[in-house]
PDB file of N, CA and C in Angstrom:
ATOM      1  N   MET A   1       8.800  -8.424  -3.024  1.00  0.00           N
ATOM      2  CA  MET A   1       8.851  -9.752  -2.269  1.00  0.00           C
ATOM      3  C   MET A   1       7.867  -9.523  -1.184  1.00  0.00           C
ATOM      4  N   VAL A   2       7.280 -10.812  -0.850  1.00  0.00           N
ATOM      5  CA  VAL A   2       6.248 -10.754   0.295  1.00  0.00           C
ATOM      6  C   VAL A   2       6.899 -11.384   1.454  1.00  0.00           C
ATOM      7  N   ASN A   3       6.732 -10.747   2.628  1.00  0.00           N
ATOM      8  CA  ASN A   3       7.219 -11.170   3.945  1.00  0.00           C
ATOM      9  C   ASN A   3       6.845 -12.587   4.201  1.00  0.00           C
ATOM     10  N   SER A   4       7.674 -13.642   4.588  1.00  0.00           N
ATOM     11  CA  SER A   4       7.115 -15.037   4.848  1.00  0.00           C
ATOM     12  C   SER A   4       6.355 -15.008   6.293  1.00  0.00           C
ATOM     13  N   ASP A   5       6.177 -13.955   7.015  1.00  0.00           N
ATOM     14  CA  ASP A   5       5.592 -13.902   8.146  1.00  0.00           C
ATOM     15  C   ASP A   5       3.927 -13.681   7.961  1.00  0.00           C
ATOM     16  N   PHE A   6       3.594 -13.330   6.783  1.00  0.00           N
ATOM     17  CA  PHE A   6       2.144 -13.100   6.444  1.00  0.00           C
ATOM     18  C   PHE A   6       1.560 -14.341   6.405  1.00  0.00           C
ATOM     19  N   ASP A   7       0.144 -14.204   6.498  1.00  0.00           N
ATOM     20  CA  ASP A   7      -0.753 -15.366   6.345  1.00  0.00           C
ATOM     21  C   ASP A   7      -0.506 -15.855   5.001  1.00  0.00           C
ATOM     22  N   PRO A   8      -0.517 -17.106   4.990  1.00  0.00           N
ATOM     23  CA  PRO A   8      -0.432 -17.881   3.561  1.00  0.00           C
ATOM     24  C   PRO A   8      -1.429 -17.557   2.383  1.00  0.00           C
ATOM     25  N   ALA A   9      -2.701 -17.195   3.032  1.00  0.00           N
ATOM     26  CA  ALA A   9      -3.709 -16.906   2.036  1.00  0.00           C
ATOM     27  C   ALA A   9      -3.323 -15.441   1.358  1.00  0.00           C
ATOM     28  N   TYR A  10      -2.814 -14.481   2.284  1.00  0.00           N
ATOM     29  CA  TYR A  10      -2.473 -13.283   1.860  1.00  0.00           C
ATOM     30  C   TYR A  10      -1.291 -13.418   0.794  1.00  0.00           C
ATOM     31  N   VAL A  11      -0.268 -14.135   1.185  1.00  0.00           N
ATOM     32  CA  VAL A  11       0.714 -14.331   0.206  1.00  0.00           C
ATOM     33  C   VAL A  11       0.396 -14.816  -1.164  1.00  0.00           C
ATOM     34  N   ALA A  12      -0.473 -15.838  -1.112  1.00  0.00           N
ATOM     35  CA  ALA A  12      -1.192 -16.394  -2.186  1.00  0.00           C
ATOM     36  C   ALA A  12      -1.739 -15.469  -3.155  1.00  0.00           C
ATOM     37  N   TYR A  13      -2.506 -14.461  -2.488  1.00  0.00           N
ATOM     38  CA  TYR A  13      -3.277 -13.671  -3.054  1.00  0.00           C
ATOM     39  C   TYR A  13      -2.382 -12.595  -3.748  1.00  0.00           C
ATOM     40  N   ILE A  14      -1.391 -12.035  -3.058  1.00  0.00           N
ATOM     41  CA  ILE A  14      -0.423 -11.089  -3.748  1.00  0.00           C
ATOM     42  C   ILE A  14       0.341 -11.585  -4.731  1.00  0.00           C
ATOM     43  N   LYS A  15       0.442 -12.863  -4.787  1.00  0.00           N
ATOM     44  CA  LYS A  15       1.176 -13.556  -6.024  1.00  0.00           C
ATOM     45  C   LYS A  15       0.275 -13.896  -7.214  1.00  0.00           C
ATOM     46  N   SER A  16      -1.086 -13.650  -6.961  1.00  0.00           N
ATOM     47  CA  SER A  16      -2.027 -14.127  -7.967  1.00  0.00           C
ATOM     48  C   SER A  16      -2.244 -13.129  -9.108  1.00  0.00           C
ATOM     49  N   GLU A  17      -2.893 -13.729 -10.169  1.00  0.00           N
ATOM     50  CA  GLU A  17      -3.169 -12.891 -11.428  1.00  0.00           C
ATOM     51  C   GLU A  17      -3.990 -11.882 -10.923  1.00  0.00           C
ATOM     52  N   ALA A  18      -5.007 -12.246 -10.221  1.00  0.00           N
ATOM     53  CA  ALA A  18      -6.153 -11.347  -9.628  1.00  0.00           C
ATOM     54  C   ALA A  18      -5.541 -10.080  -9.101  1.00  0.00           C
ATOM     55  N   TRP A  19      -4.511 -10.319  -8.158  1.00  0.00           N
ATOM     56  CA  TRP A  19      -3.831  -9.081  -7.581  1.00  0.00           C
ATOM     57  C   TRP A  19      -3.052  -8.213  -8.673  1.00  0.00           C
ATOM     58  N   LYS A  20      -2.513  -8.856  -9.628  1.00  0.00           N
ATOM     59  CA  LYS A  20      -1.758  -8.083 -10.776  1.00  0.00           C
ATOM     60  C   LYS A  20      -2.811  -7.347 -11.549  1.00  0.00           C
ATOM     61  N   LEU A  21      -3.810  -7.918 -11.672  1.00  0.00           N
ATOM     62  CA  LEU A  21      -5.051  -7.162 -12.404  1.00  0.00           C
ATOM     63  C   LEU A  21      -5.405  -5.892 -11.556  1.00  0.00           C
ATOM     64  N   ARG A  22      -5.729  -6.125 -10.361  1.00  0.00           N
ATOM     65  CA  ARG A  22      -6.165  -5.198  -9.520  1.00  0.00           C
ATOM     66  C   ARG A  22      -5.264  -3.873  -9.479  1.00  0.00           C
ATOM     67  N   CYS A  23      -3.898  -4.306  -9.328  1.00  0.00           N
ATOM     68  CA  CYS A  23      -2.738  -3.262  -9.215  1.00  0.00           C
ATOM     69  C   CYS A  23      -2.723  -2.530 -10.669  1.00  0.00           C
ATOM     70  N   ALA A  24      -2.824  -3.280 -11.842  1.00  0.00           N
ATOM     71  CA  ALA A  24      -2.965  -2.562 -13.063  1.00  0.00           C
ATOM     72  C   ALA A  24      -4.067  -1.662 -13.110  1.00  0.00           C
ATOM     73  N   ALA A  25      -5.118  -2.138 -12.840  1.00  0.00           N
ATOM     74  CA  ALA A  25      -6.392  -1.177 -12.763  1.00  0.00           C
ATOM     75  C   ALA A  25      -6.256   0.114 -11.895  1.00  0.00           C
ATOM     76  N   TYR A  26      -5.314  -0.137 -10.915  1.00  0.00           N
ATOM     77  CA  TYR A  26      -5.177   1.038  -9.724  1.00  0.00           C
ATOM     78  C   TYR A  26      -4.393   1.932 -10.640  1.00  0.00           C
ATOM     79  N   PHE A  27      -3.298   1.551 -11.078  1.00  0.00           N
ATOM     80  CA  PHE A  27      -2.306   2.429 -11.927  1.00  0.00           C
ATOM     81  C   PHE A  27      -2.856   3.113 -13.107  1.00  0.00           C
ATOM     82  N   MET A  28      -3.903   2.454 -13.809  1.00  0.00           N
ATOM     83  CA  MET A  28      -4.396   2.923 -14.801  1.00  0.00           C
ATOM     84  C   MET A  28      -5.342   4.022 -14.527  1.00  0.00           C
ATOM     85  N   ARG A  29      -6.109   3.872 -13.377  1.00  0.00           N
ATOM     86  CA  ARG A  29      -7.017   5.140 -12.913  1.00  0.00           C
ATOM     87  C   ARG A  29      -6.416   6.126 -12.214  1.00  0.00           C
ATOM     88  N   TYR A  30      -5.367   5.840 -11.290  1.00  0.00           N
ATOM     89  CA  TYR A  30      -4.723   6.780 -10.404  1.00  0.00           C
ATOM     90  C   TYR A  30      -3.321   7.346 -10.992  1.00  0.00           C
ATOM     91  N   GLY A  31      -2.812   6.637 -11.952  1.00  0.00           N
ATOM     92  CA  GLY A  31      -1.243   6.971 -12.316  1.00  0.00           C
ATOM     93  C   GLY A  31      -0.247   6.267 -11.346  1.00  0.00           C
ATOM     94  N   ARG A  32       0.842   6.118 -12.081  1.00  0.00           N
ATOM     95  CA  ARG A  32       1.983   5.439 -11.596  1.00  0.00           C
ATOM     96  C   ARG A  32       3.102   6.288 -10.952  1.00  0.00           C
ATOM     97  N   TYR A  33       2.685   6.565  -9.776  1.00  0.00           N
ATOM     98  CA  TYR A  33       3.616   7.402  -8.981  1.00  0.00           C
ATOM     99  C   TYR A  33       3.334   7.218  -7.332  1.00  0.00           C
ATOM    100  N   CYS A  34       4.328   7.448  -6.606  1.00  0.00           N
ATOM    101  CA  CYS A  34       4.205   7.317  -5.137  1.00  0.00           C
ATOM    102  C   CYS A  34       3.400   8.607  -4.552  1.00  0.00           C
ATOM    103  N   LYS A  35       2.258   8.144  -3.980  1.00  0.00           N
ATOM    104  CA  LYS A  35       1.295   9.354  -3.460  1.00  0.00           C
ATOM    105  C   LYS A  35       1.853  10.005  -2.300  1.00  0.00           C
ATOM    106  N   ALA A  36       3.026   9.433  -1.733  1.00  0.00           N
ATOM    107  CA  ALA A  36       3.499  10.213  -0.738  1.00  0.00           C
ATOM    108  C   ALA A  36       4.689  11.183  -0.996  1.00  0.00           C
ATOM    109  N   CYS A  37       5.637  10.444  -1.722  1.00  0.00           N
ATOM    110  CA  CYS A  37       6.842  11.535  -2.085  1.00  0.00           C
ATOM    111  C   CYS A  37       6.683  11.938  -3.589  1.00  0.00           C
ATOM    112  N   LEU A  38       5.758  11.445  -4.369  1.00  0.00           N
ATOM    113  CA  LEU A  38       5.557  11.805  -5.697  1.00  0.00           C
ATOM    114  C   LEU A  38       6.513  11.242  -6.496  1.00  0.00           C
ATOM    115  N   THR A  39       7.495  10.441  -6.418  1.00  0.00           N
ATOM    116  CA  THR A  39       8.457   9.867  -7.273  1.00  0.00           C
ATOM    117  C   THR A  39       7.800   9.042  -8.338  1.00  0.00           C
ATOM    118  N   ARG A  40       8.303   8.966  -9.403  1.00  0.00           N
ATOM    119  CA  ARG A  40       7.992   7.899 -10.378  1.00  0.00           C
ATOM    120  C   ARG A  40       9.149   6.888 -10.560  1.00  0.00           C
ATOM    121  N   LYS A  41      10.221   7.168  -9.893  1.00  0.00           N
ATOM    122  CA  LYS A  41      11.447   6.182  -9.878  1.00  0.00           C
ATOM    123  C   LYS A  41      11.241   5.037  -9.159  1.00  0.00           C
ATOM    124  N   GLY A  42      11.980   3.992  -9.554  1.00  0.00           N
ATOM    125  CA  GLY A  42      11.940   2.616  -8.639  1.00  0.00           C
ATOM    126  C   GLY A  42      10.686   1.874  -8.897  1.00  0.00           C
ATOM    127  N   PRO A  43      10.818   0.792  -8.342  1.00  0.00           N
ATOM    128  CA  PRO A  43       9.472   0.031  -8.358  1.00  0.00           C
ATOM    129  C   PRO A  43       8.600   0.628  -7.394  1.00  0.00           C
ATOM    130  N   LEU A  44       7.253   0.777  -8.007  1.00  0.00           N
ATOM    131  CA  LEU A  44       6.276   1.121  -7.181  1.00  0.00           C
ATOM    132  C   LEU A  44       5.336   0.019  -6.672  1.00  0.00           C
ATOM    133  N   GLN A  45       4.779   0.146  -5.495  1.00  0.00           N
ATOM    134  CA  GLN A  45       3.974  -0.753  -5.006  1.00  0.00           C
ATOM    135  C   GLN A  45       2.532  -0.427  -4.720  1.00  0.00           C
ATOM    136  N   VAL A  46       1.669  -1.371  -4.623  1.00  0.00           N
ATOM    137  CA  VAL A  46       0.228  -1.005  -4.306  1.00  0.00           C
ATOM    138  C   VAL A  46       0.032  -1.333  -2.971  1.00  0.00           C
ATOM    139  N   HIS A  47      -0.234  -0.424  -2.018  1.00  0.00           N
ATOM    140  CA  HIS A  47      -0.326  -0.598  -0.510  1.00  0.00           C
ATOM    141  C   HIS A  47      -1.705  -0.826  -0.182  1.00  0.00           C
ATOM    142  N   HIS A  48      -2.200  -1.858   0.541  1.00  0.00           N
ATOM    143  CA  HIS A  48      -3.646  -1.815   1.133  1.00  0.00           C
ATOM    144  C   HIS A  48      -3.632  -0.872   2.246  1.00  0.00           C
ATOM    145  N   MET A  49      -4.553  -0.023   2.437  1.00  0.00           N
ATOM    146  CA  MET A  49      -4.777   0.863   3.586  1.00  0.00           C
ATOM    147  C   MET A  49      -5.791   0.111   4.382  1.00  0.00           C
ATOM    148  N   THR A  50      -6.232  -0.928   4.024  1.00  0.00           N
ATOM    149  CA  THR A  50      -7.163  -1.873   4.905  1.00  0.00           C
ATOM    150  C   THR A  50      -7.165  -3.163   4.308  1.00  0.00           C
ATOM    151  N   TYR A  51      -7.226  -4.227   5.295  1.00  0.00           N
ATOM    152  CA  TYR A  51      -7.375  -5.588   4.792  1.00  0.00           C
ATOM    153  C   TYR A  51      -8.834  -6.048   4.769  1.00  0.00           C
ATOM    154  N   ASP A  52      -9.730  -5.219   5.194  1.00  0.00           N
ATOM    155  CA  ASP A  52     -11.214  -5.750   5.322  1.00  0.00           C
ATOM    156  C   ASP A  52     -11.812  -6.357   4.214  1.00  0.00           C
ATOM    157  N   ARG A  53     -11.333  -5.861   3.004  1.00  0.00           N
ATOM    158  CA  ARG A  53     -12.000  -6.407   1.780  1.00  0.00           C
ATOM    159  C   ARG A  53     -11.098  -7.174   1.002  1.00  0.00           C
ATOM    160  N   LEU A  54      -9.836  -7.762   1.592  1.00  0.00           N
ATOM    161  CA  LEU A  54      -8.896  -8.307   0.796  1.00  0.00           C
ATOM    162  C   LEU A  54      -9.333  -9.290  -0.264  1.00  0.00           C
ATOM    163  N   GLY A  55      -8.901  -9.106  -1.400  1.00  0.00           N
ATOM    164  CA  GLY A  55      -9.493 -10.095  -2.455  1.00  0.00           C
ATOM    165  C   GLY A  55     -10.627  -9.443  -3.118  1.00  0.00           C
ATOM    166  N   LYS A  56     -11.409  -8.613  -2.660  1.00  0.00           N
ATOM    167  CA  LYS A  56     -12.541  -7.885  -3.156  1.00  0.00           C
ATOM    168  C   LYS A  56     -12.393  -6.430  -2.917  1.00  0.00           C
ATOM    169  N   GLU A  57     -11.285  -5.838  -2.753  1.00  0.00           N
ATOM    170  CA  GLU A  57     -10.907  -4.461  -2.251  1.00  0.00           C
ATOM    171  C   GLU A  57     -11.381  -3.540  -3.373  1.00  0.00           C
ATOM    172  N   PRO A  58     -12.104  -2.474  -3.202  1.00  0.00           N
ATOM    173  CA  PRO A  58     -12.250  -1.444  -4.056  1.00  0.00           C
ATOM    174  C   PRO A  58     -10.757  -0.702  -4.334  1.00  0.00           C
ATOM    175  N   LEU A  59     -10.717  -0.191  -5.353  1.00  0.00           N
ATOM    176  CA  LEU A  59      -9.503   0.755  -5.574  1.00  0.00           C
ATOM    177  C   LEU A  59      -9.308   1.853  -4.511  1.00  0.00           C
ATOM    178  N   SER A  60     -10.243   2.272  -3.861  1.00  0.00           N
ATOM    179  CA  SER A  60     -10.259   3.274  -2.998  1.00  0.00           C
ATOM    180  C   SER A  60      -9.485   2.744  -1.539  1.00  0.00           C
ATOM    181  N   ASP A  61      -9.443   1.398  -1.314  1.00  0.00           N
ATOM    182  CA  ASP A  61      -8.681   0.855  -0.362  1.00  0.00           C
ATOM    183  C   ASP A  61      -7.229   0.759  -0.719  1.00  0.00           C
ATOM    184  N   LEU A  62      -6.730   1.161  -1.740  1.00  0.00           N
ATOM    185  CA  LEU A  62      -5.328   0.961  -2.186  1.00  0.00           C
ATOM    186  C   LEU A  62      -4.718   2.386  -2.454  1.00  0.00           C
ATOM    187  N   VAL A  63      -3.385   2.422  -2.290  1.00  0.00           N
ATOM    188  CA  VAL A  63      -2.600   3.552  -2.645  1.00  0.00           C
ATOM    189  C   VAL A  63      -1.247   3.207  -3.125  1.00  0.00           C
ATOM    190  N   SER A  64      -0.846   3.877  -4.087  1.00  0.00           N
ATOM    191  CA  SER A  64       0.465   3.535  -4.755  1.00  0.00           C
ATOM    192  C   SER A  64       1.553   4.242  -3.977  1.00  0.00           C
ATOM    193  N   VAL A  65       2.643   3.588  -3.603  1.00  0.00           N
ATOM    194  CA  VAL A  65       3.791   4.052  -3.091  1.00  0.00           C
ATOM    195  C   VAL A  65       5.161   3.451  -3.427  1.00  0.00           C
ATOM    196  N   CYS A  66       6.238   4.241  -3.253  1.00  0.00           N
ATOM    197  CA  CYS A  66       7.557   3.538  -3.440  1.00  0.00           C
ATOM    198  C   CYS A  66       7.887   2.659  -2.324  1.00  0.00           C
ATOM    199  N   ALA A  67       8.906   1.789  -2.469  1.00  0.00           N
ATOM    200  CA  ALA A  67       9.332   0.967  -1.355  1.00  0.00           C
ATOM    201  C   ALA A  67       9.730   1.699  -0.231  1.00  0.00           C
ATOM    202  N   PRO A  68      10.443   2.823  -0.194  1.00  0.00           N
ATOM    203  CA  PRO A  68      10.809   3.379   1.135  1.00  0.00           C
ATOM    204  C   PRO A  68       9.497   3.954   1.706  1.00  0.00           C
ATOM    205  N   CYS A  69       8.644   4.523   1.046  1.00  0.00           N
ATOM    206  CA  CYS A  69       7.530   5.055   1.764  1.00  0.00           C
ATOM    207  C   CYS A  69       6.701   3.908   2.076  1.00  0.00           C
ATOM    208  N   HIS A  70       6.510   2.859   1.508  1.00  0.00           N
ATOM    209  CA  HIS A  70       5.765   1.583   1.922  1.00  0.00           C
ATOM    210  C   HIS A  70       6.262   1.161   3.330  1.00  0.00           C
ATOM    211  N   ARG A  71       7.589   0.982   3.247  1.00  0.00           N
ATOM    212  CA  ARG A  71       8.235   0.580   4.710  1.00  0.00           C
ATOM    213  C   ARG A  71       8.012   1.719   5.781  1.00  0.00           C
ATOM    214  N   GLY A  72       7.888   2.898   5.343  1.00  0.00           N
ATOM    215  CA  GLY A  72       7.639   4.107   6.354  1.00  0.00           C
ATOM    216  C   GLY A  72       6.351   4.030   6.851  1.00  0.00           C
ATOM    217  N   ILE A  73       5.356   3.733   6.072  1.00  0.00           N
ATOM    218  CA  ILE A  73       3.999   3.630   6.564  1.00  0.00           C
ATOM    219  C   ILE A  73       3.869   2.483   7.419  1.00  0.00           C
ATOM    220  N   HIS A  74       4.316   1.316   7.233  1.00  0.00           N
ATOM    221  CA  HIS A  74       4.200   0.240   8.078  1.00  0.00           C
ATOM    222  C   HIS A  74       5.046   0.365   9.237  1.00  0.00           C
ATOM    223  N   SER A  75       6.091   1.049   9.114  1.00  0.00           N
ATOM    224  CA  SER A  75       7.123   1.402  10.358  1.00  0.00           C
ATOM    225  C   SER A  75       6.257   2.188  11.313  1.00  0.00           C
ATOM    226  N   LEU A  76       5.616   3.424  10.761  1.00  0.00           N
ATOM    227  CA  LEU A  76       4.798   4.216  11.627  1.00  0.00           C
ATOM    228  C   LEU A  76       3.601   3.468  12.310  1.00  0.00           C
ATOM    229  N   HIS A  77       2.916   2.559  11.499  1.00  0.00           N
ATOM    230  CA  HIS A  77       1.836   1.724  12.182  1.00  0.00           C
ATOM    231  C   HIS A  77       2.291   1.018  13.268  1.00  0.00           C
ATOM    232  N   ARG A  78       3.494   0.422  13.143  1.00  0.00           N
ATOM    233  CA  ARG A  78       4.205  -0.416  14.243  1.00  0.00           C
ATOM    234  C   ARG A  78       4.444   0.538  15.455  1.00  0.00           C
ATOM    235  N   LYS A  79       5.174   1.735  15.002  1.00  0.00           N
ATOM    236  CA  LYS A  79       5.613   2.357  16.212  1.00  0.00           C
ATOM    237  C   LYS A  79       4.502   2.904  16.959  1.00  0.00           C
ATOM    238  N   ARG A  80       3.312   3.057  16.399  1.00  0.00           N
ATOM    239  CA  ARG A  80       2.059   3.708  17.206  1.00  0.00           C
ATOM    240  C   ARG A  80       1.423   2.402  17.836  1.00  0.00           C
ATOM    241  N   GLY A  81       2.043   1.267  17.857  1.00  0.00           N
ATOM    242  CA  GLY A  81       1.517   0.065  18.482  1.00  0.00           C
ATOM    243  C   GLY A  81       0.377  -0.491  17.955  1.00  0.00           C
ATOM    244  N   ARG A  82       0.027  -0.106  16.701  1.00  0.00           N
ATOM    245  CA  ARG A  82      -1.087  -0.546  15.916  1.00  0.00           C
ATOM    246  C   ARG A  82      -2.356  -0.258  16.594  1.00  0.00           C
ATOM    247  N   ARG A  83      -2.222   0.863  17.307  1.00  0.00           N
ATOM    248  CA  ARG A  83      -3.389   1.489  18.021  1.00  0.00           C
ATOM    249  C   ARG A  83      -4.252   2.400  16.979  1.00  0.00           C
ATOM    250  N   ILE A  84      -3.598   2.698  15.994  1.00  0.00           N
ATOM    251  CA  ILE A  84      -4.467   3.405  14.855  1.00  0.00           C
ATOM    252  C   ILE A  84      -4.435   2.492  13.820  1.00  0.00           C
ATOM    253  N   SER A  85      -5.488   2.760  12.938  1.00  0.00           N
ATOM    254  CA  SER A  85      -5.696   1.765  11.695  1.00  0.00           C
ATOM    255  C   SER A  85      -4.658   1.900  10.801  1.00  0.00           C
ATOM    256  N   LEU A  86      -4.473   1.100   9.816  1.00  0.00           N
ATOM    257  CA  LEU A  86      -3.518   1.130   8.928  1.00  0.00           C
ATOM    258  C   LEU A  86      -3.908   2.400   7.848  1.00  0.00           C
ATOM    259  N   TYR A  87      -5.059   2.559   7.642  1.00  0.00           N
ATOM    260  CA  TYR A  87      -5.647   3.651   6.882  1.00  0.00           C
ATOM    261  C   TYR A  87      -5.018   5.033   7.535  1.00  0.00           C
ATOM    262  N   GLU A  88      -5.207   5.081   8.934  1.00  0.00           N
ATOM    263  CA  GLU A  88      -4.914   6.389   9.562  1.00  0.00           C
ATOM    264  C   GLU A  88      -3.230   6.602   9.488  1.00  0.00           C
ATOM    265  N   ALA A  89      -2.621   5.388   9.641  1.00  0.00           N
ATOM    266  CA  ALA A  89      -1.084   5.502   9.613  1.00  0.00           C
ATOM    267  C   ALA A  89      -0.823   5.966   8.044  1.00  0.00           C
ATOM    268  N   THR A  90      -1.347   5.350   7.129  1.00  0.00           N
ATOM    269  CA  THR A  90      -1.027   5.789   5.689  1.00  0.00           C
ATOM    270  C   THR A  90      -1.401   7.206   5.572  1.00  0.00           C
ATOM    271  N   GLN A  91      -2.524   7.774   6.087  1.00  0.00           N
ATOM    272  CA  GLN A  91      -2.752   9.176   5.808  1.00  0.00           C
ATOM    273  C   GLN A  91      -1.753  10.067   6.564  1.00  0.00           C
ATOM    274  N   ILE A  92      -1.494   9.729   7.738  1.00  0.00           N
ATOM    275  CA  ILE A  92      -0.463  10.382   8.535  1.00  0.00           C
ATOM    276  C   ILE A  92       0.762  10.343   7.984  1.00  0.00           C
ATOM    277  N   TYR A  93       1.270   9.334   7.253  1.00  0.00           N
ATOM    278  CA  TYR A  93       2.591   9.401   6.586  1.00  0.00           C
ATOM    279  C   TYR A  93       2.568  10.152   5.400  1.00  0.00           C
ATOM    280  N   ILE A  94       1.486  10.022   4.629  1.00  0.00           N
ATOM    281  CA  ILE A  94       1.444  10.711   3.403  1.00  0.00           C
ATOM    282  C   ILE A  94       1.370  12.189   3.341  1.00  0.00           C
ATOM    283  N   LYS A  95       0.408  12.571   4.169  1.00  0.00           N
ATOM    284  CA  LYS A  95       0.154  14.013   4.154  1.00  0.00           C
ATOM    285  C   LYS A  95       1.254  14.867   4.440  1.00  0.00           C
ATOM    286  N   PRO A  96       2.127  14.913   5.367  1.00  0.00           N
ATOM    287  CA  PRO A  96       3.298  15.895   5.251  1.00  0.00           C
ATOM    288  C   PRO A  96       4.296  15.578   4.234  1.00  0.00           C
ATOM    289  N   LYS A  97       4.309  14.648   3.831  1.00  0.00           N
ATOM    290  CA  LYS A  97       5.192  14.311   2.569  1.00  0.00           C
ATOM    291  C   LYS A  97       4.817  15.035   1.303  1.00  0.00           C
ATOM    292  N   ARG A  98       3.511  15.227   1.137  1.00  0.00           N
ATOM    293  CA  ARG A  98       3.009  15.978   0.014  1.00  0.00           C
ATOM    294  C   ARG A  98       2.965  17.284  -0.020  1.00  0.00           C
ATOM    295  N   THR A  99       3.183  17.926   1.278  1.00  0.00           N
ATOM    296  CA  THR A  99       3.301  19.346   1.461  1.00  0.00           C
ATOM    297  C   THR A  99       4.754  19.803   1.605  1.00  0.00           C
ATOM    298  N   GLN A 100       5.700  19.089   1.414  1.00  0.00           N
ATOM    299  CA  GLN A 100       7.071  19.231   1.480  1.00  0.00           C
ATOM    300  C   GLN A 100       7.590  20.010   0.310  1.00  0.00           C
TER     301      GLN A 100
END
């Protein structure tokens, strides 16, 4: 589900066939598991580490995460007052999870 507080253009893109194809390409290339906690259970989501190339994003702008880790990344980004990039927040969140 997409938060209604997002820009309508973003919401339209996330609901589009183009986004579905981009996600399928991501999962085909990198596998279908959470890159943070490594789970394969539950619905997996493709997270944008940057919105700079939204709609034309290379797969390297994306990472697959489970819903709890996705919320955790965005929560960390908000807690840091968005003073760090979403990419940095993603890396900070994922790195310690992978070493547990």
